[in-house]
ModelCIF file with pLDDT and N, C-alpha, C, O atoms, coordinates in Angstrom:
data_MODEL
#
_entry.id   MODEL 
#
_entity.id                         1 
_entity.type                       polymer 
_entity.pdbx_number_of_molecules   1 
#
_entity_poly.entity_id                      1 
_entity_poly.type                           'polypeptide(L)' 
_entity_poly.nstd_linkage                   no 
_entity_poly.nstd_monomer                   no 
_entity_poly.pdbx_seq_one_letter_code       
;(UNK)(UNK)(UNK)(UNK)(UNK)(UNK)(UNK)(UNK)(UNK)(UNK)(UNK)(UNK)(UNK)(UNK)(UNK)(UNK)
(UNK)(UNK)(UNK)(UNK)(UNK)(UNK)(UNK)(UNK)(UNK)(UNK)(UNK)(UNK)(UNK)(UNK)(UNK)(UNK)
(UNK)(UNK)(UNK)(UNK)(UNK)(UNK)(UNK)(UNK)(UNK)(UNK)(UNK)(UNK)
;
_entity_poly.pdbx_seq_one_letter_code_can   XXXXXXXXXXXXXXXXXXXXXXXXXXXXXXXXXXXXXXXXXXXX 
_entity_poly.pdbx_strand_id                 A 
#
loop_
_entity_poly_seq.entity_id 
_entity_poly_seq.num 
_entity_poly_seq.mon_id 
_entity_poly_seq.hetero 
1 1  UNK n 
1 2  UNK n 
1 3  UNK n 
1 4  UNK n 
1 5  UNK n 
1 6  UNK n 
1 7  UNK n 
1 8  UNK n 
1 9  UNK n 
1 10 UNK n 
1 11 UNK n 
1 12 UNK n 
1 13 UNK n 
1 14 UNK n 
1 15 UNK n 
1 16 UNK n 
1 17 UNK n 
1 18 UNK n 
1 19 UNK n 
1 20 UNK n 
1 21 UNK n 
1 22 UNK n 
1 23 UNK n 
1 24 UNK n 
1 25 UNK n 
1 26 UNK n 
1 27 UNK n 
1 28 UNK n 
1 29 UNK n 
1 30 UNK n 
1 31 UNK n 
1 32 UNK n 
1 33 UNK n 
1 34 UNK n 
1 35 UNK n 
1 36 UNK n 
1 37 UNK n 
1 38 UNK n 
1 39 UNK n 
1 40 UNK n 
1 41 UNK n 
1 42 UNK n 
1 43 UNK n 
1 44 UNK n 
#
_struct_asym.id          A 
_struct_asym.entity_id   1 
#
loop_
_ma_qa_metric.id 
_ma_qa_metric.mode 
_ma_qa_metric.name 
_ma_qa_metric.software_group_id 
_ma_qa_metric.type 
1 global pLDDT . pLDDT 
2 local  pLDDT . pLDDT 
#
_ma_qa_metric_global.metric_id      1 
_ma_qa_metric_global.metric_value   94.77 
_ma_qa_metric_global.model_id       1 
_ma_qa_metric_global.ordinal_id     1 
#
loop_
_ma_qa_metric_local.label_asym_id 
_ma_qa_metric_local.label_comp_id 
_ma_qa_metric_local.label_seq_id 
_ma_qa_metric_local.metric_id 
_ma_qa_metric_local.metric_value 
_ma_qa_metric_local.model_id 
_ma_qa_metric_local.ordinal_id 
A UNK 1  2 96.00 1 1  
A UNK 2  2 93.00 1 2  
A UNK 3  2 88.00 1 3  
A UNK 4  2 86.00 1 4  
A UNK 5  2 85.00 1 5  
A UNK 6  2 83.00 1 6  
A UNK 7  2 82.00 1 7  
A UNK 8  2 89.00 1 8  
A UNK 9  2 94.00 1 9  
A UNK 10 2 95.00 1 10 
A UNK 11 2 96.00 1 11 
A UNK 12 2 92.00 1 12 
A UNK 13 2 95.00 1 13 
A UNK 14 2 96.00 1 14 
A UNK 15 2 98.00 1 15 
A UNK 16 2 98.00 1 16 
A UNK 17 2 98.00 1 17 
A UNK 18 2 98.00 1 18 
A UNK 19 2 97.00 1 19 
A UNK 20 2 94.00 1 20 
A UNK 21 2 95.00 1 21 
A UNK 22 2 96.00 1 22 
A UNK 23 2 98.00 1 23 
A UNK 24 2 98.00 1 24 
A UNK 25 2 98.00 1 25 
A UNK 26 2 98.00 1 26 
A UNK 27 2 98.00 1 27 
A UNK 28 2 98.00 1 28 
A UNK 29 2 97.00 1 29 
A UNK 30 2 97.00 1 30 
A UNK 31 2 96.00 1 31 
A UNK 32 2 95.00 1 32 
A UNK 33 2 95.00 1 33 
A UNK 34 2 93.00 1 34 
A UNK 35 2 92.00 1 35 
A UNK 36 2 95.00 1 36 
A UNK 37 2 95.00 1 37 
A UNK 38 2 96.00 1 38 
A UNK 39 2 97.00 1 39 
A UNK 40 2 98.00 1 40 
A UNK 41 2 98.00 1 41 
A UNK 42 2 98.00 1 42 
A UNK 43 2 98.00 1 43 
A UNK 44 2 98.00 1 44 
#
loop_
_atom_site.group_PDB 
_atom_site.id 
_atom_site.type_symbol 
_atom_site.label_atom_id 
_atom_site.label_alt_id 
_atom_site.label_comp_id 
_atom_site.label_asym_id 
_atom_site.label_entity_id 
_atom_site.label_seq_id 
_atom_site.pdbx_PDB_ins_code 
_atom_site.Cartn_x 
_atom_site.Cartn_y 
_atom_site.Cartn_z 
_atom_site.occupancy 
_atom_site.B_iso_or_equiv 
_atom_site.pdbx_formal_charge 
_atom_site.auth_seq_id 
_atom_site.auth_comp_id 
_atom_site.auth_asym_id 
_atom_site.auth_atom_id 
_atom_site.pdbx_PDB_model_num 
ATOM 1   N N  . UNK A 1 1  ? -48.466 18.267 -22.166 1.00 96.00 ? 1  UNK A N  1 
ATOM 2   C CA . UNK A 1 1  ? -47.304 17.378 -21.641 1.00 96.00 ? 1  UNK A CA 1 
ATOM 3   C C  . UNK A 1 1  ? -47.743 15.932 -21.527 1.00 96.00 ? 1  UNK A C  1 
ATOM 4   O O  . UNK A 1 1  ? -48.484 15.505 -20.642 1.00 96.00 ? 1  UNK A O  1 
ATOM 5   N N  . UNK A 1 2  ? -47.198 15.203 -22.538 1.00 93.00 ? 2  UNK A N  1 
ATOM 6   C CA . UNK A 1 2  ? -47.352 13.737 -22.557 1.00 93.00 ? 2  UNK A CA 1 
ATOM 7   C C  . UNK A 1 2  ? -46.242 13.001 -22.216 1.00 93.00 ? 2  UNK A C  1 
ATOM 8   O O  . UNK A 1 2  ? -45.301 12.990 -23.009 1.00 93.00 ? 2  UNK A O  1 
ATOM 9   N N  . UNK A 1 3  ? -46.170 12.366 -21.157 1.00 88.00 ? 3  UNK A N  1 
ATOM 10  C CA . UNK A 1 3  ? -45.086 11.651 -20.761 1.00 88.00 ? 3  UNK A CA 1 
ATOM 11  C C  . UNK A 1 3  ? -44.881 10.368 -21.541 1.00 88.00 ? 3  UNK A C  1 
ATOM 12  O O  . UNK A 1 3  ? -45.803 9.718  -22.034 1.00 88.00 ? 3  UNK A O  1 
ATOM 13  N N  . UNK A 1 4  ? -43.614 10.063 -21.612 1.00 86.00 ? 4  UNK A N  1 
ATOM 14  C CA . UNK A 1 4  ? -43.360 8.651  -22.453 1.00 86.00 ? 4  UNK A CA 1 
ATOM 15  C C  . UNK A 1 4  ? -44.019 7.572  -21.646 1.00 86.00 ? 4  UNK A C  1 
ATOM 16  O O  . UNK A 1 4  ? -44.354 7.619  -20.462 1.00 86.00 ? 4  UNK A O  1 
ATOM 17  N N  . UNK A 1 5  ? -44.152 6.524  -22.566 1.00 85.00 ? 5  UNK A N  1 
ATOM 18  C CA . UNK A 1 5  ? -44.693 5.235  -21.716 1.00 85.00 ? 5  UNK A CA 1 
ATOM 19  C C  . UNK A 1 5  ? -45.911 4.702  -22.463 1.00 85.00 ? 5  UNK A C  1 
ATOM 20  O O  . UNK A 1 5  ? -46.375 5.226  -23.476 1.00 85.00 ? 5  UNK A O  1 
ATOM 21  N N  . UNK A 1 6  ? -46.427 3.512  -21.811 1.00 83.00 ? 6  UNK A N  1 
ATOM 22  C CA . UNK A 1 6  ? -47.497 2.899  -22.532 1.00 83.00 ? 6  UNK A CA 1 
ATOM 23  C C  . UNK A 1 6  ? -48.940 3.697  -22.626 1.00 83.00 ? 6  UNK A C  1 
ATOM 24  O O  . UNK A 1 6  ? -49.852 3.365  -23.383 1.00 83.00 ? 6  UNK A O  1 
ATOM 25  N N  . UNK A 1 7  ? -48.974 4.808  -21.717 1.00 82.00 ? 7  UNK A N  1 
ATOM 26  C CA . UNK A 1 7  ? -50.131 5.538  -21.727 1.00 82.00 ? 7  UNK A CA 1 
ATOM 27  C C  . UNK A 1 7  ? -49.936 6.827  -22.518 1.00 82.00 ? 7  UNK A C  1 
ATOM 28  O O  . UNK A 1 7  ? -50.850 7.652  -22.525 1.00 82.00 ? 7  UNK A O  1 
ATOM 29  N N  . UNK A 1 8  ? -48.741 7.065  -23.223 1.00 89.00 ? 8  UNK A N  1 
ATOM 30  C CA . UNK A 1 8  ? -48.625 8.172  -23.977 1.00 89.00 ? 8  UNK A CA 1 
ATOM 31  C C  . UNK A 1 8  ? -49.629 8.208  -25.132 1.00 89.00 ? 8  UNK A C  1 
ATOM 32  O O  . UNK A 1 8  ? -49.703 7.309  -25.970 1.00 89.00 ? 8  UNK A O  1 
ATOM 33  N N  . UNK A 1 9  ? -50.467 9.403  -25.122 1.00 94.00 ? 9  UNK A N  1 
ATOM 34  C CA . UNK A 1 9  ? -51.379 9.602  -26.336 1.00 94.00 ? 9  UNK A CA 1 
ATOM 35  C C  . UNK A 1 9  ? -51.477 11.144 -26.543 1.00 94.00 ? 9  UNK A C  1 
ATOM 36  O O  . UNK A 1 9  ? -51.190 11.948 -25.656 1.00 94.00 ? 9  UNK A O  1 
ATOM 37  N N  . UNK A 1 10 ? -51.834 11.431 -27.582 1.00 95.00 ? 10 UNK A N  1 
ATOM 38  C CA . UNK A 1 10 ? -52.149 12.794 -28.140 1.00 95.00 ? 10 UNK A CA 1 
ATOM 39  C C  . UNK A 1 10 ? -53.653 13.080 -28.007 1.00 95.00 ? 10 UNK A C  1 
ATOM 40  O O  . UNK A 1 10 ? -54.386 12.095 -27.922 1.00 95.00 ? 10 UNK A O  1 
ATOM 41  N N  . UNK A 1 11 ? -54.145 14.171 -27.981 1.00 96.00 ? 11 UNK A N  1 
ATOM 42  C CA . UNK A 1 11 ? -55.422 14.535 -28.214 1.00 96.00 ? 11 UNK A CA 1 
ATOM 43  C C  . UNK A 1 11 ? -55.924 14.337 -29.599 1.00 96.00 ? 11 UNK A C  1 
ATOM 44  O O  . UNK A 1 11 ? -55.118 14.427 -30.525 1.00 96.00 ? 11 UNK A O  1 
ATOM 45  N N  . UNK A 1 12 ? -57.249 14.061 -29.847 1.00 92.00 ? 12 UNK A N  1 
ATOM 46  C CA . UNK A 1 12 ? -57.842 13.909 -31.172 1.00 92.00 ? 12 UNK A CA 1 
ATOM 47  C C  . UNK A 1 12 ? -59.019 14.706 -31.374 1.00 92.00 ? 12 UNK A C  1 
ATOM 48  O O  . UNK A 1 12 ? -59.485 14.907 -32.496 1.00 92.00 ? 12 UNK A O  1 
ATOM 49  N N  . UNK A 1 13 ? -59.553 15.203 -30.225 1.00 95.00 ? 13 UNK A N  1 
ATOM 50  C CA . UNK A 1 13 ? -60.870 16.126 -30.181 1.00 95.00 ? 13 UNK A CA 1 
ATOM 51  C C  . UNK A 1 13 ? -61.849 15.478 -29.230 1.00 95.00 ? 13 UNK A C  1 
ATOM 52  O O  . UNK A 1 13 ? -61.990 14.277 -29.003 1.00 95.00 ? 13 UNK A O  1 
ATOM 53  N N  . UNK A 1 14 ? -62.518 16.540 -28.703 1.00 96.00 ? 14 UNK A N  1 
ATOM 54  C CA . UNK A 1 14 ? -63.528 16.353 -27.650 1.00 96.00 ? 14 UNK A CA 1 
ATOM 55  C C  . UNK A 1 14 ? -63.088 15.950 -26.359 1.00 96.00 ? 14 UNK A C  1 
ATOM 56  O O  . UNK A 1 14 ? -63.903 15.504 -25.551 1.00 96.00 ? 14 UNK A O  1 
ATOM 57  N N  . UNK A 1 15 ? -61.803 16.069 -26.065 1.00 98.00 ? 15 UNK A N  1 
ATOM 58  C CA . UNK A 1 15 ? -61.284 15.924 -24.636 1.00 98.00 ? 15 UNK A CA 1 
ATOM 59  C C  . UNK A 1 15 ? -61.521 17.141 -23.831 1.00 98.00 ? 15 UNK A C  1 
ATOM 60  O O  . UNK A 1 15 ? -61.325 18.233 -24.364 1.00 98.00 ? 15 UNK A O  1 
ATOM 61  N N  . UNK A 1 16 ? -61.912 17.073 -22.637 1.00 98.00 ? 16 UNK A N  1 
ATOM 62  C CA . UNK A 1 16 ? -62.212 18.115 -21.714 1.00 98.00 ? 16 UNK A CA 1 
ATOM 63  C C  . UNK A 1 16 ? -60.987 18.913 -21.455 1.00 98.00 ? 16 UNK A C  1 
ATOM 64  O O  . UNK A 1 16 ? -59.910 18.360 -21.230 1.00 98.00 ? 16 UNK A O  1 
ATOM 65  N N  . UNK A 1 17 ? -61.142 20.338 -21.483 1.00 98.00 ? 17 UNK A N  1 
ATOM 66  C CA . UNK A 1 17 ? -60.045 21.235 -21.041 1.00 98.00 ? 17 UNK A CA 1 
ATOM 67  C C  . UNK A 1 17 ? -60.389 21.717 -19.533 1.00 98.00 ? 17 UNK A C  1 
ATOM 68  O O  . UNK A 1 17 ? -61.420 22.330 -19.252 1.00 98.00 ? 17 UNK A O  1 
ATOM 69  N N  . UNK A 1 18 ? -59.533 21.410 -18.740 1.00 98.00 ? 18 UNK A N  1 
ATOM 70  C CA . UNK A 1 18 ? -59.709 21.886 -17.258 1.00 98.00 ? 18 UNK A CA 1 
ATOM 71  C C  . UNK A 1 18 ? -58.918 23.130 -17.138 1.00 98.00 ? 18 UNK A C  1 
ATOM 72  O O  . UNK A 1 18 ? -57.921 23.340 -17.829 1.00 98.00 ? 18 UNK A O  1 
ATOM 73  N N  . UNK A 1 19 ? -59.423 24.036 -16.157 1.00 97.00 ? 19 UNK A N  1 
ATOM 74  C CA . UNK A 1 19 ? -58.636 25.227 -15.766 1.00 97.00 ? 19 UNK A CA 1 
ATOM 75  C C  . UNK A 1 19 ? -58.870 25.585 -14.306 1.00 97.00 ? 19 UNK A C  1 
ATOM 76  O O  . UNK A 1 19 ? -60.018 25.903 -13.998 1.00 97.00 ? 19 UNK A O  1 
ATOM 77  N N  . UNK A 1 20 ? -58.019 25.574 -13.461 1.00 94.00 ? 20 UNK A N  1 
ATOM 78  C CA . UNK A 1 20 ? -57.992 25.625 -12.135 1.00 94.00 ? 20 UNK A CA 1 
ATOM 79  C C  . UNK A 1 20 ? -59.076 24.775 -11.455 1.00 94.00 ? 20 UNK A C  1 
ATOM 80  O O  . UNK A 1 20 ? -59.828 25.211 -10.583 1.00 94.00 ? 20 UNK A O  1 
ATOM 81  N N  . UNK A 1 21 ? -59.088 23.400 -11.978 1.00 95.00 ? 21 UNK A N  1 
ATOM 82  C CA . UNK A 1 21 ? -59.738 22.331 -11.353 1.00 95.00 ? 21 UNK A CA 1 
ATOM 83  C C  . UNK A 1 21 ? -61.252 22.151 -11.675 1.00 95.00 ? 21 UNK A C  1 
ATOM 84  O O  . UNK A 1 21 ? -62.037 21.448 -11.039 1.00 95.00 ? 21 UNK A O  1 
ATOM 85  N N  . UNK A 1 22 ? -61.524 22.908 -12.769 1.00 96.00 ? 22 UNK A N  1 
ATOM 86  C CA . UNK A 1 22 ? -62.964 22.630 -13.283 1.00 96.00 ? 22 UNK A CA 1 
ATOM 87  C C  . UNK A 1 22 ? -62.986 22.637 -14.918 1.00 96.00 ? 22 UNK A C  1 
ATOM 88  O O  . UNK A 1 22 ? -62.230 23.374 -15.551 1.00 96.00 ? 22 UNK A O  1 
ATOM 89  N N  . UNK A 1 23 ? -63.778 21.886 -15.454 1.00 98.00 ? 23 UNK A N  1 
ATOM 90  C CA . UNK A 1 23 ? -63.932 21.665 -16.938 1.00 98.00 ? 23 UNK A CA 1 
ATOM 91  C C  . UNK A 1 23 ? -64.496 23.167 -17.425 1.00 98.00 ? 23 UNK A C  1 
ATOM 92  O O  . UNK A 1 23 ? -65.569 23.615 -17.023 1.00 98.00 ? 23 UNK A O  1 
ATOM 93  N N  . UNK A 1 24 ? -63.757 23.757 -18.197 1.00 98.00 ? 24 UNK A N  1 
ATOM 94  C CA . UNK A 1 24 ? -64.221 25.102 -18.836 1.00 98.00 ? 24 UNK A CA 1 
ATOM 95  C C  . UNK A 1 24 ? -64.356 24.913 -20.345 1.00 98.00 ? 24 UNK A C  1 
ATOM 96  O O  . UNK A 1 24 ? -64.973 25.790 -20.950 1.00 98.00 ? 24 UNK A O  1 
ATOM 97  N N  . UNK A 1 25 ? -63.864 23.892 -21.021 1.00 98.00 ? 25 UNK A N  1 
ATOM 98  C CA . UNK A 1 25 ? -63.841 23.894 -22.451 1.00 98.00 ? 25 UNK A CA 1 
ATOM 99  C C  . UNK A 1 25 ? -63.626 22.529 -23.043 1.00 98.00 ? 25 UNK A C  1 
ATOM 100 O O  . UNK A 1 25 ? -63.678 21.534 -22.319 1.00 98.00 ? 25 UNK A O  1 
ATOM 101 N N  . UNK A 1 26 ? -63.376 22.440 -24.390 1.00 98.00 ? 26 UNK A N  1 
ATOM 102 C CA . UNK A 1 26 ? -63.116 21.077 -25.033 1.00 98.00 ? 26 UNK A CA 1 
ATOM 103 C C  . UNK A 1 26 ? -62.109 21.237 -26.167 1.00 98.00 ? 26 UNK A C  1 
ATOM 104 O O  . UNK A 1 26 ? -61.941 22.312 -26.744 1.00 98.00 ? 26 UNK A O  1 
ATOM 105 N N  . UNK A 1 27 ? -61.545 20.283 -26.417 1.00 98.00 ? 27 UNK A N  1 
ATOM 106 C CA . UNK A 1 27 ? -60.472 20.141 -27.391 1.00 98.00 ? 27 UNK A CA 1 
ATOM 107 C C  . UNK A 1 27 ? -61.224 20.025 -28.828 1.00 98.00 ? 27 UNK A C  1 
ATOM 108 O O  . UNK A 1 27 ? -62.073 19.137 -28.888 1.00 98.00 ? 27 UNK A O  1 
ATOM 109 N N  . UNK A 1 28 ? -61.036 20.739 -29.881 1.00 98.00 ? 28 UNK A N  1 
ATOM 110 C CA . UNK A 1 28 ? -61.559 20.608 -31.108 1.00 98.00 ? 28 UNK A CA 1 
ATOM 111 C C  . UNK A 1 28 ? -60.644 19.574 -31.988 1.00 98.00 ? 28 UNK A C  1 
ATOM 112 O O  . UNK A 1 28 ? -61.154 18.726 -32.720 1.00 98.00 ? 28 UNK A O  1 
ATOM 113 N N  . UNK A 1 29 ? -59.363 19.729 -31.844 1.00 97.00 ? 29 UNK A N  1 
ATOM 114 C CA . UNK A 1 29 ? -58.427 18.750 -32.632 1.00 97.00 ? 29 UNK A CA 1 
ATOM 115 C C  . UNK A 1 29 ? -57.139 18.938 -31.927 1.00 97.00 ? 29 UNK A C  1 
ATOM 116 O O  . UNK A 1 29 ? -56.936 19.703 -30.985 1.00 97.00 ? 29 UNK A O  1 
ATOM 117 N N  . UNK A 1 30 ? -56.218 18.071 -32.552 1.00 97.00 ? 30 UNK A N  1 
ATOM 118 C CA . UNK A 1 30 ? -54.757 18.110 -31.961 1.00 97.00 ? 30 UNK A CA 1 
ATOM 119 C C  . UNK A 1 30 ? -54.137 16.883 -32.330 1.00 97.00 ? 30 UNK A C  1 
ATOM 120 O O  . UNK A 1 30 ? -54.787 16.032 -32.938 1.00 97.00 ? 30 UNK A O  1 
ATOM 121 N N  . UNK A 1 31 ? -52.786 16.684 -31.981 1.00 96.00 ? 31 UNK A N  1 
ATOM 122 C CA . UNK A 1 31 ? -51.997 15.654 -32.438 1.00 96.00 ? 31 UNK A CA 1 
ATOM 123 C C  . UNK A 1 31 ? -50.588 16.092 -32.028 1.00 96.00 ? 31 UNK A C  1 
ATOM 124 O O  . UNK A 1 31 ? -50.382 17.023 -31.250 1.00 96.00 ? 31 UNK A O  1 
ATOM 125 N N  . UNK A 1 32 ? -49.612 15.340 -32.619 1.00 95.00 ? 32 UNK A N  1 
ATOM 126 C CA . UNK A 1 32 ? -48.216 15.549 -32.469 1.00 95.00 ? 32 UNK A CA 1 
ATOM 127 C C  . UNK A 1 32 ? -47.631 16.486 -33.398 1.00 95.00 ? 32 UNK A C  1 
ATOM 128 O O  . UNK A 1 32 ? -47.907 16.401 -34.595 1.00 95.00 ? 32 UNK A O  1 
ATOM 129 N N  . UNK A 1 33 ? -46.859 17.360 -32.962 1.00 95.00 ? 33 UNK A N  1 
ATOM 130 C CA . UNK A 1 33 ? -46.229 18.503 -33.952 1.00 95.00 ? 33 UNK A CA 1 
ATOM 131 C C  . UNK A 1 33 ? -44.812 18.031 -34.063 1.00 95.00 ? 33 UNK A C  1 
ATOM 132 O O  . UNK A 1 33 ? -44.026 18.073 -33.116 1.00 95.00 ? 33 UNK A O  1 
ATOM 133 N N  . UNK A 1 34 ? -44.521 17.587 -35.237 1.00 93.00 ? 34 UNK A N  1 
ATOM 134 C CA . UNK A 1 34 ? -43.308 16.750 -35.359 1.00 93.00 ? 34 UNK A CA 1 
ATOM 135 C C  . UNK A 1 34 ? -42.057 17.862 -35.370 1.00 93.00 ? 34 UNK A C  1 
ATOM 136 O O  . UNK A 1 34 ? -41.003 17.567 -34.807 1.00 93.00 ? 34 UNK A O  1 
ATOM 137 N N  . UNK A 1 35 ? -42.187 18.890 -35.900 1.00 92.00 ? 35 UNK A N  1 
ATOM 138 C CA . UNK A 1 35 ? -40.922 19.957 -35.973 1.00 92.00 ? 35 UNK A CA 1 
ATOM 139 C C  . UNK A 1 35 ? -40.750 20.538 -34.482 1.00 92.00 ? 35 UNK A C  1 
ATOM 140 O O  . UNK A 1 35 ? -39.649 20.818 -34.009 1.00 92.00 ? 35 UNK A O  1 
ATOM 141 N N  . UNK A 1 36 ? -41.823 20.668 -33.880 1.00 95.00 ? 36 UNK A N  1 
ATOM 142 C CA . UNK A 1 36 ? -41.706 21.392 -32.495 1.00 95.00 ? 36 UNK A CA 1 
ATOM 143 C C  . UNK A 1 36 ? -41.426 20.118 -31.441 1.00 95.00 ? 36 UNK A C  1 
ATOM 144 O O  . UNK A 1 36 ? -40.957 20.363 -30.330 1.00 95.00 ? 36 UNK A O  1 
ATOM 145 N N  . UNK A 1 37 ? -41.690 18.964 -31.782 1.00 95.00 ? 37 UNK A N  1 
ATOM 146 C CA . UNK A 1 37 ? -41.550 17.863 -30.969 1.00 95.00 ? 37 UNK A CA 1 
ATOM 147 C C  . UNK A 1 37 ? -42.332 17.955 -29.575 1.00 95.00 ? 37 UNK A C  1 
ATOM 148 O O  . UNK A 1 37 ? -41.841 17.774 -28.460 1.00 95.00 ? 37 UNK A O  1 
ATOM 149 N N  . UNK A 1 38 ? -43.596 18.263 -29.870 1.00 96.00 ? 38 UNK A N  1 
ATOM 150 C CA . UNK A 1 38 ? -44.593 18.290 -28.687 1.00 96.00 ? 38 UNK A CA 1 
ATOM 151 C C  . UNK A 1 38 ? -45.957 18.052 -29.131 1.00 96.00 ? 38 UNK A C  1 
ATOM 152 O O  . UNK A 1 38 ? -46.340 18.311 -30.272 1.00 96.00 ? 38 UNK A O  1 
ATOM 153 N N  . UNK A 1 39 ? -46.726 17.526 -28.162 1.00 97.00 ? 39 UNK A N  1 
ATOM 154 C CA . UNK A 1 39 ? -48.168 17.356 -28.464 1.00 97.00 ? 39 UNK A CA 1 
ATOM 155 C C  . UNK A 1 39 ? -48.948 18.835 -28.350 1.00 97.00 ? 39 UNK A C  1 
ATOM 156 O O  . UNK A 1 39 ? -48.718 19.701 -27.507 1.00 97.00 ? 39 UNK A O  1 
ATOM 157 N N  . UNK A 1 40 ? -49.884 18.882 -29.377 1.00 98.00 ? 40 UNK A N  1 
ATOM 158 C CA . UNK A 1 40 ? -50.599 20.164 -29.476 1.00 98.00 ? 40 UNK A CA 1 
ATOM 159 C C  . UNK A 1 40 ? -52.122 19.974 -29.380 1.00 98.00 ? 40 UNK A C  1 
ATOM 160 O O  . UNK A 1 40 ? -52.640 18.943 -29.809 1.00 98.00 ? 40 UNK A O  1 
ATOM 161 N N  . UNK A 1 41 ? -52.779 20.873 -28.869 1.00 98.00 ? 41 UNK A N  1 
ATOM 162 C CA . UNK A 1 41 ? -54.293 20.771 -28.855 1.00 98.00 ? 41 UNK A CA 1 
ATOM 163 C C  . UNK A 1 41 ? -54.796 22.116 -29.262 1.00 98.00 ? 41 UNK A C  1 
ATOM 164 O O  . UNK A 1 41 ? -54.194 23.134 -28.922 1.00 98.00 ? 41 UNK A O  1 
ATOM 165 N N  . UNK A 1 42 ? -55.747 22.143 -29.889 1.00 98.00 ? 42 UNK A N  1 
ATOM 166 C CA . UNK A 1 42 ? -56.786 23.466 -30.247 1.00 98.00 ? 42 UNK A CA 1 
ATOM 167 C C  . UNK A 1 42 ? -58.086 23.174 -29.598 1.00 98.00 ? 42 UNK A C  1 
ATOM 168 O O  . UNK A 1 42 ? -58.671 22.095 -29.698 1.00 98.00 ? 42 UNK A O  1 
ATOM 169 N N  . UNK A 1 43 ? -58.531 24.267 -28.884 1.00 98.00 ? 43 UNK A N  1 
ATOM 170 C CA . UNK A 1 43 ? -59.887 24.046 -28.360 1.00 98.00 ? 43 UNK A CA 1 
ATOM 171 C C  . UNK A 1 43 ? -60.327 25.423 -27.801 1.00 98.00 ? 43 UNK A C  1 
ATOM 172 O O  . UNK A 1 43 ? -59.556 26.381 -27.758 1.00 98.00 ? 43 UNK A O  1 
ATOM 173 N N  . UNK A 1 44 ? -61.586 25.463 -27.382 1.00 98.00 ? 44 UNK A N  1 
ATOM 174 C CA . UNK A 1 44 ? -62.317 26.538 -26.904 1.00 98.00 ? 44 UNK A CA 1 
ATOM 175 C C  . UNK A 1 44 ? -62.353 26.635 -25.404 1.00 98.00 ? 44 UNK A C  1 
ATOM 176 O O  . UNK A 1 44 ? -62.972 27.548 -24.859 1.00 98.00 ? 44 UNK A O  1 
#
């Protein structure tokens, strides 16, 4: 969920993935998916 506005940004890699309040993984790559019109991240 990337809200519009000046702080709108997609992931590019190495961002932390949180689950239930703690960091559990990391993003390996991502970006904007134009056909689906959403921001996408892949990570472990």
